[in-house]
Amino acid sequence: MDFLAAFGLIAALAWFWYDSMRAREAAVAFGEKACAQDGFQFLDQTVALESIRVARNRHGRAVLRRTYRFEFSDDGWHRRRGCLILLGDQVELMRLGPLEVLH
């Protein structure tokens, strides 16, 4: 019985790691595409996970809601922050805009 519990825990951790990597790659792709469409430069080619929690999608299924932050530039000089929220594998919110200039 202990073996099955340990195996289940390892399997759950492996799934979570795989799902998190897949979601991060999707967030980078969404961020790059949104920046390119608006003529911005997606900086550092990465996103940072800010929060993760369980939420319900439009079908009522429990999925993970992940909030990512990233930086972009509108003029090649100033860094600005963007926000991307994924609900499962769908974009729930994407915010690009000169909200604040980072120094």
PDB file of N, CA and C in Angstrom:
ATOM      1  N   MET A   1       0.817  -1.193   0.000  1.00  0.00           N
ATOM      2  CA  MET A   1       0.000   0.000   0.000  1.00  0.00           C
ATOM      3  C   MET A   1       0.861   1.257   0.000  1.00  0.00           C
ATOM      4  N   ASP A   2       1.962   1.231   0.758  1.00  0.00           N
ATOM      5  CA  ASP A   2       2.862   2.386   0.776  1.00  0.00           C
ATOM      6  C   ASP A   2       3.458   2.636  -0.597  1.00  0.00           C
ATOM      7  N   PHE A   3       3.730   1.545  -1.320  1.00  0.00           N
ATOM      8  CA  PHE A   3       4.287   1.674  -2.666  1.00  0.00           C
ATOM      9  C   PHE A   3       3.303   2.400  -3.574  1.00  0.00           C
ATOM     10  N   LEU A   4       2.020   2.035  -3.499  1.00  0.00           N
ATOM     11  CA  LEU A   4       1.014   2.681  -4.345  1.00  0.00           C
ATOM     12  C   LEU A   4       0.856   4.158  -4.000  1.00  0.00           C
ATOM     13  N   ALA A   5       0.902   4.488  -2.738  1.00  0.00           N
ATOM     14  CA  ALA A   5       0.801   5.890  -2.332  1.00  0.00           C
ATOM     15  C   ALA A   5       2.010   6.676  -2.832  1.00  0.00           C
ATOM     16  N   ALA A   6       3.186   6.114  -2.697  1.00  0.00           N
ATOM     17  CA  ALA A   6       4.401   6.777  -3.174  1.00  0.00           C
ATOM     18  C   ALA A   6       4.371   6.930  -4.698  1.00  0.00           C
ATOM     19  N   PHE A   7       3.938   5.881  -5.377  1.00  0.00           N
ATOM     20  CA  PHE A   7       3.851   5.943  -6.835  1.00  0.00           C
ATOM     21  C   PHE A   7       2.835   6.999  -7.269  1.00  0.00           C
ATOM     22  N   GLY A   8       1.694   7.055  -6.580  1.00  0.00           N
ATOM     23  CA  GLY A   8       0.681   8.059  -6.895  1.00  0.00           C
ATOM     24  C   GLY A   8       1.188   9.474  -6.685  1.00  0.00           C
ATOM     25  N   LEU A   9       1.933   9.686  -5.607  1.00  0.00           N
ATOM     26  CA  LEU A   9       2.495  10.998  -5.331  1.00  0.00           C
ATOM     27  C   LEU A   9       3.513  11.394  -6.398  1.00  0.00           C
ATOM     28  N   ILE A  10       4.371  10.464  -6.762  1.00  0.00           N
ATOM     29  CA  ILE A  10       5.371  10.737  -7.800  1.00  0.00           C
ATOM     30  C   ILE A  10       4.698  11.021  -9.133  1.00  0.00           C
ATOM     31  N   ALA A  11       3.663  10.259  -9.464  1.00  0.00           N
ATOM     32  CA  ALA A  11       2.929  10.479 -10.713  1.00  0.00           C
ATOM     33  C   ALA A  11       2.256  11.849 -10.714  1.00  0.00           C
ATOM     34  N   ALA A  12       1.663  12.239  -9.585  1.00  0.00           N
ATOM     35  CA  ALA A  12       1.016  13.549  -9.494  1.00  0.00           C
ATOM     36  C   ALA A  12       2.033  14.676  -9.635  1.00  0.00           C
ATOM     37  N   LEU A  13       3.185  14.533  -9.013  1.00  0.00           N
ATOM     38  CA  LEU A  13       4.239  15.552  -9.133  1.00  0.00           C
ATOM     39  C   LEU A  13       4.769  15.642 -10.560  1.00  0.00           C
ATOM     40  N   ALA A  14       4.926  14.492 -11.203  1.00  0.00           N
ATOM     41  CA  ALA A  14       5.398  14.480 -12.591  1.00  0.00           C
ATOM     42  C   ALA A  14       4.373  15.168 -13.505  1.00  0.00           C
ATOM     43  N   TRP A  15       3.083  14.873 -13.302  1.00  0.00           N
ATOM     44  CA  TRP A  15       2.046  15.520 -14.100  1.00  0.00           C
ATOM     45  C   TRP A  15       2.069  17.028 -13.873  1.00  0.00           C
ATOM     46  N   PHE A  16       2.169  17.460 -12.614  1.00  0.00           N
ATOM     47  CA  PHE A  16       2.171  18.885 -12.308  1.00  0.00           C
ATOM     48  C   PHE A  16       3.356  19.581 -12.958  1.00  0.00           C
ATOM     49  N   TRP A  17       4.529  18.964 -12.893  1.00  0.00           N
ATOM     50  CA  TRP A  17       5.714  19.551 -13.516  1.00  0.00           C
ATOM     51  C   TRP A  17       5.528  19.668 -15.028  1.00  0.00           C
ATOM     52  N   TYR A  18       5.045  18.607 -15.663  1.00  0.00           N
ATOM     53  CA  TYR A  18       4.835  18.608 -17.113  1.00  0.00           C
ATOM     54  C   TYR A  18       3.792  19.658 -17.497  1.00  0.00           C
ATOM     55  N   ASP A  19       2.684  19.702 -16.778  1.00  0.00           N
ATOM     56  CA  ASP A  19       1.626  20.661 -17.070  1.00  0.00           C
ATOM     57  C   ASP A  19       2.121  22.093 -16.873  1.00  0.00           C
ATOM     58  N   SER A  20       2.939  22.323 -15.860  1.00  0.00           N
ATOM     59  CA  SER A  20       3.482  23.660 -15.614  1.00  0.00           C
ATOM     60  C   SER A  20       4.441  24.097 -16.723  1.00  0.00           C
ATOM     61  N   MET A  21       5.261  23.182 -17.210  1.00  0.00           N
ATOM     62  CA  MET A  21       6.169  23.517 -18.310  1.00  0.00           C
ATOM     63  C   MET A  21       5.391  23.816 -19.588  1.00  0.00           C
ATOM     64  N   ARG A  22       4.353  23.027 -19.850  1.00  0.00           N
ATOM     65  CA  ARG A  22       3.525  23.235 -21.033  1.00  0.00           C
ATOM     66  C   ARG A  22       2.797  24.578 -20.946  1.00  0.00           C
ATOM     67  N   ALA A  23       2.280  24.916 -19.778  1.00  0.00           N
ATOM     68  CA  ALA A  23       1.591  26.194 -19.593  1.00  0.00           C
ATOM     69  C   ALA A  23       2.561  27.364 -19.735  1.00  0.00           C
ATOM     70  N   ARG A  24       3.766  27.218 -19.209  1.00  0.00           N
ATOM     71  CA  ARG A  24       4.771  28.283 -19.333  1.00  0.00           C
ATOM     72  C   ARG A  24       5.138  28.526 -20.783  1.00  0.00           C
ATOM     73  N   GLU A  25       5.327  27.447 -21.548  1.00  0.00           N
ATOM     74  CA  GLU A  25       5.638  27.587 -22.972  1.00  0.00           C
ATOM     75  C   GLU A  25       4.497  28.262 -23.717  1.00  0.00           C
ATOM     76  N   ALA A  26       3.257  27.923 -23.369  1.00  0.00           N
ATOM     77  CA  ALA A  26       2.100  28.571 -23.992  1.00  0.00           C
ATOM     78  C   ALA A  26       2.057  30.047 -23.629  1.00  0.00           C
ATOM     79  N   ALA A  27       2.352  30.382 -22.379  1.00  0.00           N
ATOM     80  CA  ALA A  27       2.350  31.780 -21.947  1.00  0.00           C
ATOM     81  C   ALA A  27       3.402  32.590 -22.699  1.00  0.00           C
ATOM     82  N   VAL A  28       4.572  32.014 -22.893  1.00  0.00           N
ATOM     83  CA  VAL A  28       5.617  32.710 -23.669  1.00  0.00           C
ATOM     84  C   VAL A  28       5.141  32.940 -25.100  1.00  0.00           C
ATOM     85  N   ALA A  29       4.541  31.918 -25.712  1.00  0.00           N
ATOM     86  CA  ALA A  29       4.052  32.050 -27.090  1.00  0.00           C
ATOM     87  C   ALA A  29       2.952  33.107 -27.188  1.00  0.00           C
ATOM     88  N   PHE A  30       2.001  33.090 -26.243  1.00  0.00           N
ATOM     89  CA  PHE A  30       0.934  34.099 -26.248  1.00  0.00           C
ATOM     90  C   PHE A  30       1.512  35.497 -26.052  1.00  0.00           C
ATOM     91  N   GLY A  31       2.467  35.636 -25.127  1.00  0.00           N
ATOM     92  CA  GLY A  31       3.083  36.940 -24.876  1.00  0.00           C
ATOM     93  C   GLY A  31       3.835  37.467 -26.086  1.00  0.00           C
ATOM     94  N   GLU A  32       4.615  36.603 -26.724  1.00  0.00           N
ATOM     95  CA  GLU A  32       5.354  37.010 -27.921  1.00  0.00           C
ATOM     96  C   GLU A  32       4.398  37.438 -29.032  1.00  0.00           C
ATOM     97  N   LYS A  33       3.341  36.667 -29.234  1.00  0.00           N
ATOM     98  CA  LYS A  33       2.381  36.976 -30.298  1.00  0.00           C
ATOM     99  C   LYS A  33       1.660  38.290 -30.026  1.00  0.00           C
ATOM    100  N   ALA A  34       1.221  38.500 -28.793  1.00  0.00           N
ATOM    101  CA  ALA A  34       0.522  39.739 -28.453  1.00  0.00           C
ATOM    102  C   ALA A  34       1.436  40.951 -28.622  1.00  0.00           C
ATOM    103  N   CYS A  35       2.676  40.817 -28.196  1.00  0.00           N
ATOM    104  CA  CYS A  35       3.629  41.924 -28.351  1.00  0.00           C
ATOM    105  C   CYS A  35       3.884  42.218 -29.825  1.00  0.00           C
ATOM    106  N   ALA A  36       4.081  41.179 -30.616  1.00  0.00           N
ATOM    107  CA  ALA A  36       4.344  41.360 -32.037  1.00  0.00           C
ATOM    108  C   ALA A  36       3.158  42.023 -32.741  1.00  0.00           C
ATOM    109  N   GLN A  37       1.943  41.631 -32.380  1.00  0.00           N
ATOM    110  CA  GLN A  37       0.757  42.220 -33.006  1.00  0.00           C
ATOM    111  C   GLN A  37       0.630  43.707 -32.704  1.00  0.00           C
ATOM    112  N   ASP A  38       1.071  44.124 -31.527  1.00  0.00           N
ATOM    113  CA  ASP A  38       0.985  45.532 -31.144  1.00  0.00           C
ATOM    114  C   ASP A  38       2.262  46.308 -31.430  1.00  0.00           C
ATOM    115  N   GLY A  39       3.241  45.664 -32.032  1.00  0.00           N
ATOM    116  CA  GLY A  39       4.484  46.341 -32.380  1.00  0.00           C
ATOM    117  C   GLY A  39       5.441  46.523 -31.219  1.00  0.00           C
ATOM    118  N   PHE A  40       5.290  45.711 -30.172  1.00  0.00           N
ATOM    119  CA  PHE A  40       6.163  45.786 -29.006  1.00  0.00           C
ATOM    120  C   PHE A  40       7.224  44.704 -29.083  1.00  0.00           C
ATOM    121  N   GLN A  41       8.255  44.875 -28.283  1.00  0.00           N
ATOM    122  CA  GLN A  41       9.326  43.890 -28.192  1.00  0.00           C
ATOM    123  C   GLN A  41       9.156  43.105 -26.900  1.00  0.00           C
ATOM    124  N   PHE A  42       9.004  41.785 -27.015  1.00  0.00           N
ATOM    125  CA  PHE A  42       8.891  40.894 -25.866  1.00  0.00           C
ATOM    126  C   PHE A  42      10.291  40.703 -25.306  1.00  0.00           C
ATOM    127  N   LEU A  43      10.529  41.146 -24.073  1.00  0.00           N
ATOM    128  CA  LEU A  43      11.880  41.150 -23.522  1.00  0.00           C
ATOM    129  C   LEU A  43      12.204  39.864 -22.785  1.00  0.00           C
ATOM    130  N   ASP A  44      13.429  39.463 -22.841  1.00  0.00           N
ATOM    131  CA  ASP A  44      14.005  38.335 -22.112  1.00  0.00           C
ATOM    132  C   ASP A  44      13.437  36.973 -22.529  1.00  0.00           C
ATOM    133  N   GLN A  45      12.491  36.958 -23.456  1.00  0.00           N
ATOM    134  CA  GLN A  45      11.913  35.711 -23.970  1.00  0.00           C
ATOM    135  C   GLN A  45      11.415  34.786 -22.876  1.00  0.00           C
ATOM    136  N   THR A  46      10.874  35.354 -21.800  1.00  0.00           N
ATOM    137  CA  THR A  46      10.412  34.534 -20.686  1.00  0.00           C
ATOM    138  C   THR A  46       9.261  35.198 -19.949  1.00  0.00           C
ATOM    139  N   VAL A  47       8.577  34.402 -19.165  1.00  0.00           N
ATOM    140  CA  VAL A  47       7.511  34.865 -18.282  1.00  0.00           C
ATOM    141  C   VAL A  47       7.831  34.384 -16.876  1.00  0.00           C
ATOM    142  N   ALA A  48       7.282  35.066 -15.887  1.00  0.00           N
ATOM    143  CA  ALA A  48       7.490  34.675 -14.489  1.00  0.00           C
ATOM    144  C   ALA A  48       6.134  34.336 -13.873  1.00  0.00           C
ATOM    145  N   LEU A  49       6.052  33.172 -13.277  1.00  0.00           N
ATOM    146  CA  LEU A  49       4.822  32.758 -12.620  1.00  0.00           C
ATOM    147  C   LEU A  49       4.636  33.576 -11.356  1.00  0.00           C
ATOM    148  N   GLU A  50       3.500  34.254 -11.267  1.00  0.00           N
ATOM    149  CA  GLU A  50       3.217  35.081 -10.097  1.00  0.00           C
ATOM    150  C   GLU A  50       2.303  34.357  -9.112  1.00  0.00           C
ATOM    151  N   SER A  51       1.312  33.644  -9.633  1.00  0.00           N
ATOM    152  CA  SER A  51       0.421  32.900  -8.737  1.00  0.00           C
ATOM    153  C   SER A  51      -0.205  31.728  -9.480  1.00  0.00           C
ATOM    154  N   ILE A  52      -0.649  30.771  -8.700  1.00  0.00           N
ATOM    155  CA  ILE A  52      -1.328  29.600  -9.246  1.00  0.00           C
ATOM    156  C   ILE A  52      -2.398  29.190  -8.243  1.00  0.00           C
ATOM    157  N   ARG A  53      -3.593  28.905  -8.764  1.00  0.00           N
ATOM    158  CA  ARG A  53      -4.675  28.455  -7.898  1.00  0.00           C
ATOM    159  C   ARG A  53      -5.680  27.663  -8.718  1.00  0.00           C
ATOM    160  N   VAL A  54      -6.561  27.000  -8.041  1.00  0.00           N
ATOM    161  CA  VAL A  54      -7.597  26.213  -8.699  1.00  0.00           C
ATOM    162  C   VAL A  54      -8.799  27.115  -8.968  1.00  0.00           C
ATOM    163  N   ALA A  55      -9.361  26.993 -10.172  1.00  0.00           N
ATOM    164  CA  ALA A  55     -10.549  27.766 -10.552  1.00  0.00           C
ATOM    165  C   ALA A  55     -11.403  26.901 -11.472  1.00  0.00           C
ATOM    166  N   ARG A  56     -12.584  27.352 -11.764  1.00  0.00           N
ATOM    167  CA  ARG A  56     -13.480  26.628 -12.666  1.00  0.00           C
ATOM    168  C   ARG A  56     -13.468  27.302 -14.031  1.00  0.00           C
ATOM    169  N   ASN A  57     -13.416  26.470 -15.087  1.00  0.00           N
ATOM    170  CA  ASN A  57     -13.502  27.023 -16.429  1.00  0.00           C
ATOM    171  C   ASN A  57     -14.969  27.198 -16.817  1.00  0.00           C
ATOM    172  N   ARG A  58     -15.239  27.599 -18.041  1.00  0.00           N
ATOM    173  CA  ARG A  58     -16.621  27.885 -18.453  1.00  0.00           C
ATOM    174  C   ARG A  58     -17.500  26.649 -18.493  1.00  0.00           C
ATOM    175  N   HIS A  59     -16.875  25.471 -18.492  1.00  0.00           N
ATOM    176  CA  HIS A  59     -17.624  24.213 -18.476  1.00  0.00           C
ATOM    177  C   HIS A  59     -17.808  23.674 -17.056  1.00  0.00           C
ATOM    178  N   GLY A  60     -17.302  24.395 -16.067  1.00  0.00           N
ATOM    179  CA  GLY A  60     -17.447  23.987 -14.684  1.00  0.00           C
ATOM    180  C   GLY A  60     -16.371  23.035 -14.188  1.00  0.00           C
ATOM    181  N   ARG A  61     -15.399  22.716 -15.029  1.00  0.00           N
ATOM    182  CA  ARG A  61     -14.309  21.829 -14.626  1.00  0.00           C
ATOM    183  C   ARG A  61     -13.283  22.586 -13.808  1.00  0.00           C
ATOM    184  N   ALA A  62     -12.721  21.912 -12.828  1.00  0.00           N
ATOM    185  CA  ALA A  62     -11.645  22.507 -12.028  1.00  0.00           C
ATOM    186  C   ALA A  62     -10.350  22.458 -12.834  1.00  0.00           C
ATOM    187  N   VAL A  63      -9.748  23.616 -13.025  1.00  0.00           N
ATOM    188  CA  VAL A  63      -8.483  23.737 -13.746  1.00  0.00           C
ATOM    189  C   VAL A  63      -7.579  24.680 -12.962  1.00  0.00           C
ATOM    190  N   LEU A  64      -6.339  24.775 -13.382  1.00  0.00           N
ATOM    191  CA  LEU A  64      -5.402  25.691 -12.726  1.00  0.00           C
ATOM    192  C   LEU A  64      -5.432  27.052 -13.413  1.00  0.00           C
ATOM    193  N   ARG A  65      -5.523  28.111 -12.611  1.00  0.00           N
ATOM    194  CA  ARG A  65      -5.415  29.476 -13.110  1.00  0.00           C
ATOM    195  C   ARG A  65      -4.016  29.957 -12.749  1.00  0.00           C
ATOM    196  N   ARG A  66      -3.250  30.251 -13.778  1.00  0.00           N
ATOM    197  CA  ARG A  66      -1.872  30.705 -13.579  1.00  0.00           C
ATOM    198  C   ARG A  66      -1.745  32.154 -14.041  1.00  0.00           C
ATOM    199  N   THR A  67      -1.145  32.977 -13.204  1.00  0.00           N
ATOM    200  CA  THR A  67      -0.896  34.372 -13.544  1.00  0.00           C
ATOM    201  C   THR A  67       0.597  34.546 -13.788  1.00  0.00           C
ATOM    202  N   TYR A  68       0.920  35.069 -14.959  1.00  0.00           N
ATOM    203  CA  TYR A  68       2.306  35.299 -15.353  1.00  0.00           C
ATOM    204  C   TYR A  68       2.544  36.789 -15.555  1.00  0.00           C
ATOM    205  N   ARG A  69       3.728  37.222 -15.227  1.00  0.00           N
ATOM    206  CA  ARG A  69       4.186  38.585 -15.516  1.00  0.00           C
ATOM    207  C   ARG A  69       5.326  38.477 -16.513  1.00  0.00           C
ATOM    208  N   PHE A  70       5.424  39.497 -17.341  1.00  0.00           N
ATOM    209  CA  PHE A  70       6.530  39.556 -18.294  1.00  0.00           C
ATOM    210  C   PHE A  70       6.826  41.016 -18.573  1.00  0.00           C
ATOM    211  N   GLU A  71       7.907  41.237 -19.261  1.00  0.00           N
ATOM    212  CA  GLU A  71       8.298  42.602 -19.593  1.00  0.00           C
ATOM    213  C   GLU A  71       8.374  42.761 -21.095  1.00  0.00           C
ATOM    214  N   PHE A  72       8.033  43.953 -21.537  1.00  0.00           N
ATOM    215  CA  PHE A  72       8.096  44.282 -22.955  1.00  0.00           C
ATOM    216  C   PHE A  72       8.532  45.729 -23.086  1.00  0.00           C
ATOM    217  N   SER A  73       8.866  46.114 -24.297  1.00  0.00           N
ATOM    218  CA  SER A  73       9.287  47.487 -24.548  1.00  0.00           C
ATOM    219  C   SER A  73       8.518  48.014 -25.745  1.00  0.00           C
ATOM    220  N   ASP A  74       8.067  49.239 -25.632  1.00  0.00           N
ATOM    221  CA  ASP A  74       7.368  49.852 -26.762  1.00  0.00           C
ATOM    222  C   ASP A  74       8.294  50.706 -27.607  1.00  0.00           C
ATOM    223  N   ASP A  75       9.448  51.057 -27.052  1.00  0.00           N
ATOM    224  CA  ASP A  75      10.366  51.917 -27.799  1.00  0.00           C
ATOM    225  C   ASP A  75      11.797  51.379 -27.843  1.00  0.00           C
ATOM    226  N   GLY A  76      12.008  50.179 -27.309  1.00  0.00           N
ATOM    227  CA  GLY A  76      13.346  49.597 -27.308  1.00  0.00           C
ATOM    228  C   GLY A  76      14.219  50.101 -26.176  1.00  0.00           C
ATOM    229  N   TRP A  77      13.723  51.034 -25.389  1.00  0.00           N
ATOM    230  CA  TRP A  77      14.520  51.612 -24.332  1.00  0.00           C
ATOM    231  C   TRP A  77      13.905  51.352 -22.952  1.00  0.00           C
ATOM    232  N   HIS A  78      12.634  51.613 -22.801  1.00  0.00           N
ATOM    233  CA  HIS A  78      11.959  51.468 -21.515  1.00  0.00           C
ATOM    234  C   HIS A  78      11.339  50.079 -21.369  1.00  0.00           C
ATOM    235  N   ARG A  79      11.472  49.528 -20.172  1.00  0.00           N
ATOM    236  CA  ARG A  79      10.833  48.249 -19.854  1.00  0.00           C
ATOM    237  C   ARG A  79       9.470  48.530 -19.259  1.00  0.00           C
ATOM    238  N   ARG A  80       8.497  47.754 -19.714  1.00  0.00           N
ATOM    239  CA  ARG A  80       7.138  47.856 -19.188  1.00  0.00           C
ATOM    240  C   ARG A  80       6.658  46.459 -18.825  1.00  0.00           C
ATOM    241  N   ARG A  81       5.688  46.400 -17.914  1.00  0.00           N
ATOM    242  CA  ARG A  81       5.186  45.100 -17.456  1.00  0.00           C
ATOM    243  C   ARG A  81       3.908  44.721 -18.178  1.00  0.00           C
ATOM    244  N   GLY A  82       3.803  43.425 -18.444  1.00  0.00           N
ATOM    245  CA  GLY A  82       2.581  42.872 -18.992  1.00  0.00           C
ATOM    246  C   GLY A  82       2.097  41.759 -18.077  1.00  0.00           C
ATOM    247  N   CYS A  83       0.842  41.403 -18.222  1.00  0.00           N
ATOM    248  CA  CYS A  83       0.235  40.373 -17.401  1.00  0.00           C
ATOM    249  C   CYS A  83      -0.536  39.420 -18.305  1.00  0.00           C
ATOM    250  N   LEU A  84      -0.447  38.142 -17.998  1.00  0.00           N
ATOM    251  CA  LEU A  84      -1.147  37.114 -18.751  1.00  0.00           C
ATOM    252  C   LEU A  84      -1.722  36.118 -17.755  1.00  0.00           C
ATOM    253  N   ILE A  85      -3.016  35.847 -17.863  1.00  0.00           N
ATOM    254  CA  ILE A  85      -3.644  34.858 -16.996  1.00  0.00           C
ATOM    255  C   ILE A  85      -4.148  33.725 -17.865  1.00  0.00           C
ATOM    256  N   LEU A  86      -3.682  32.518 -17.561  1.00  0.00           N
ATOM    257  CA  LEU A  86      -4.151  31.316 -18.243  1.00  0.00           C
ATOM    258  C   LEU A  86      -5.112  30.576 -17.335  1.00  0.00           C
ATOM    259  N   LEU A  87      -6.266  30.230 -17.868  1.00  0.00           N
ATOM    260  CA  LEU A  87      -7.227  29.397 -17.169  1.00  0.00           C
ATOM    261  C   LEU A  87      -7.200  28.053 -17.878  1.00  0.00           C
ATOM    262  N   GLY A  88      -6.511  27.096 -17.273  1.00  0.00           N
ATOM    263  CA  GLY A  88      -6.228  25.840 -17.969  1.00  0.00           C
ATOM    264  C   GLY A  88      -5.214  26.148 -19.056  1.00  0.00           C
ATOM    265  N   ASP A  89      -5.604  25.927 -20.314  1.00  0.00           N
ATOM    266  CA  ASP A  89      -4.711  26.257 -21.429  1.00  0.00           C
ATOM    267  C   ASP A  89      -5.258  27.395 -22.287  1.00  0.00           C
ATOM    268  N   GLN A  90      -6.254  28.107 -21.761  1.00  0.00           N
ATOM    269  CA  GLN A  90      -6.863  29.219 -22.481  1.00  0.00           C
ATOM    270  C   GLN A  90      -6.485  30.543 -21.837  1.00  0.00           C
ATOM    271  N   VAL A  91      -6.283  31.560 -22.672  1.00  0.00           N
ATOM    272  CA  VAL A  91      -5.976  32.898 -22.156  1.00  0.00           C
ATOM    273  C   VAL A  91      -7.258  33.497 -21.584  1.00  0.00           C
ATOM    274  N   GLU A  92      -7.213  33.842 -20.324  1.00  0.00           N
ATOM    275  CA  GLU A  92      -8.345  34.500 -19.674  1.00  0.00           C
ATOM    276  C   GLU A  92      -8.185  36.018 -19.741  1.00  0.00           C
ATOM    277  N   LEU A  93      -6.952  36.495 -19.586  1.00  0.00           N
ATOM    278  CA  LEU A  93      -6.681  37.931 -19.611  1.00  0.00           C
ATOM    279  C   LEU A  93      -5.271  38.160 -20.114  1.00  0.00           C
ATOM    280  N   MET A  94      -5.125  39.140 -20.994  1.00  0.00           N
ATOM    281  CA  MET A  94      -3.806  39.575 -21.463  1.00  0.00           C
ATOM    282  C   MET A  94      -3.808  41.087 -21.360  1.00  0.00           C
ATOM    283  N   ARG A  95      -2.855  41.617 -20.625  1.00  0.00           N
ATOM    284  CA  ARG A  95      -2.781  43.058 -20.471  1.00  0.00           C
ATOM    285  C   ARG A  95      -1.419  43.540 -20.942  1.00  0.00           C
ATOM    286  N   LEU A  96      -1.441  44.306 -21.995  1.00  0.00           N
ATOM    287  CA  LEU A  96      -0.257  44.998 -22.488  1.00  0.00           C
ATOM    288  C   LEU A  96      -0.578  46.475 -22.450  1.00  0.00           C
ATOM    289  N   GLY A  97       0.314  47.208 -21.991  1.00  0.00           N
ATOM    290  CA  GLY A  97       0.075  48.637 -21.978  1.00  0.00           C
ATOM    291  C   GLY A  97       1.090  49.330 -21.113  1.00  0.00           C
ATOM    292  N   PRO A  98       1.294  50.568 -21.376  1.00  0.00           N
ATOM    293  CA  PRO A  98       2.269  51.322 -20.589  1.00  0.00           C
ATOM    294  C   PRO A  98       1.719  51.640 -19.202  1.00  0.00           C
ATOM    295  N   LEU A  99       1.568  50.608 -18.392  1.00  0.00           N
ATOM    296  CA  LEU A  99       1.050  50.794 -17.045  1.00  0.00           C
ATOM    297  C   LEU A  99       2.072  51.498 -16.163  1.00  0.00           C
ATOM    298  N   GLU A 100       3.318  51.114 -16.315  1.00  0.00           N
ATOM    299  CA  GLU A 100       4.388  51.751 -15.535  1.00  0.00           C
ATOM    300  C   GLU A 100       5.704  51.504 -16.238  1.00  0.00           C
ATOM    301  N   VAL A 101       6.605  52.415 -16.102  1.00  0.00           N
ATOM    302  CA  VAL A 101       7.937  52.281 -16.681  1.00  0.00           C
ATOM    303  C   VAL A 101       8.851  51.734 -15.600  1.00  0.00           C
ATOM    304  N   LEU A 102       9.567  50.675 -15.915  1.00  0.00           N
ATOM    305  CA  LEU A 102      10.527  50.093 -14.975  1.00  0.00           C
ATOM    306  C   LEU A 102      11.889  50.699 -15.215  1.00  0.00           C
ATOM    307  N   HIS A 103      12.615  50.922 -14.176  1.00  0.00           N
ATOM    308  CA  HIS A 103      13.957  51.496 -14.318  1.00  0.00           C
ATOM    309  C   HIS A 103      15.006  50.499 -13.983  1.00  0.00           C
TER     310      HIS A 103
END
